[in-house]
Amino acid sequence: MMFRRSIERALAFLKEWRAKRDAERHGIPYEDDMHLEKGDRRAMLISAFLVLIPAVILVLGIMVLVVWLFFFR
């Protein structure tokens, strides 16, 4: 077979991914789980808001500008 190593590596990755998914579905903790510290979740939420809120405001501003240009000018 021409790409035997690539196929074997892809199948091994798929097998590991499926094992992780099945373990998570059945409530068994997987050994590669990321452990969060006390304030990590709050920090991620704050950073997400700091990134997403300006982008949403920009998109809404562009939409309002387009509506204003078409209908109220």
Protein backbone atom coordinates (compact mmCIF):
# COMPACT_ATOMS: atom_id res chain seq x y z
CA MET A 1 0.00 0.00 0.00
CA MET A 2 1.30 3.42 -0.89
CA PHE A 3 0.48 5.43 2.25
CA ARG A 4 0.49 2.65 4.84
CA ARG A 5 2.10 4.66 7.67
CA SER A 6 -0.23 7.62 7.17
CA ILE A 7 -3.29 5.41 7.20
CA GLU A 8 -2.11 3.53 10.31
CA ARG A 9 -1.41 6.82 12.09
CA ALA A 10 -4.85 8.17 11.14
CA LEU A 11 -6.56 4.99 12.32
CA ALA A 12 -4.65 5.08 15.62
CA PHE A 13 -5.70 8.70 16.15
CA LEU A 14 -9.31 7.83 15.34
CA LYS A 15 -9.23 4.91 17.77
CA GLU A 16 -7.88 7.14 20.56
CA TRP A 17 -10.42 9.89 19.78
CA ARG A 18 -13.30 7.40 19.90
CA ALA A 19 -12.07 5.97 23.21
CA LYS A 20 -11.93 9.47 24.68
CA ARG A 21 -15.41 10.32 23.37
CA ASP A 22 -16.91 7.10 24.71
CA ALA A 23 -15.26 7.60 28.09
CA GLU A 24 -16.68 11.11 28.32
CA ARG A 25 -20.17 9.88 27.41
CA HIS A 26 -20.14 7.29 30.16
CA GLY A 27 -18.84 9.68 32.81
CA ILE A 28 -15.41 8.11 33.07
CA PRO A 29 -12.72 10.79 33.31
CA TYR A 30 -10.21 10.60 30.49
CA GLU A 31 -6.56 10.88 31.47
CA ASP A 32 -5.90 13.88 29.19
CA ASP A 33 -8.65 16.06 30.68
CA MET A 34 -7.70 19.67 31.28
CA HIS A 35 -7.97 20.69 34.92
CA LEU A 36 -9.03 24.26 35.55
CA GLU A 37 -7.95 26.28 38.53
CA LYS A 38 -10.24 28.39 40.68
CA GLY A 39 -10.54 31.56 38.57
CA ASP A 40 -9.94 30.09 35.11
CA ARG A 41 -13.58 29.83 34.05
CA ARG A 42 -14.32 33.42 35.05
CA ALA A 43 -11.19 34.62 33.26
CA MET A 44 -12.22 32.79 30.08
CA LEU A 45 -15.70 34.34 30.22
CA ILE A 46 -14.31 37.85 30.73
CA SER A 47 -11.85 37.45 27.87
CA ALA A 48 -14.59 36.07 25.59
CA PHE A 49 -16.79 39.08 26.35
CA LEU A 50 -13.89 41.46 25.75
CA VAL A 51 -13.35 39.92 22.33
CA LEU A 52 -16.95 39.32 21.24
CA ILE A 53 -18.75 42.44 22.47
CA PRO A 54 -16.73 44.90 20.33
CA ALA A 55 -17.14 42.64 17.30
CA VAL A 56 -20.92 42.43 17.82
CA ILE A 57 -21.15 46.20 18.30
CA LEU A 58 -19.19 46.72 15.08
CA VAL A 59 -21.42 44.38 13.07
CA LEU A 60 -24.58 45.96 14.48
CA GLY A 61 -23.20 49.42 13.72
CA ILE A 62 -22.53 48.46 10.11
CA MET A 63 -26.05 47.04 9.80
CA VAL A 64 -27.60 50.23 11.23
CA LEU A 65 -25.47 52.34 8.87
CA VAL A 66 -26.62 50.33 5.85
CA VAL A 67 -30.27 50.61 6.90
CA TRP A 68 -29.87 54.35 7.46
CA LEU A 69 -28.20 54.81 4.03
CA PHE A 70 -30.94 52.92 2.20
CA PHE A 71 -34.08 54.12 3.96
CA PHE A 72 -33.47 57.41 5.74
CA ARG A 73 -31.21 59.32 3.44
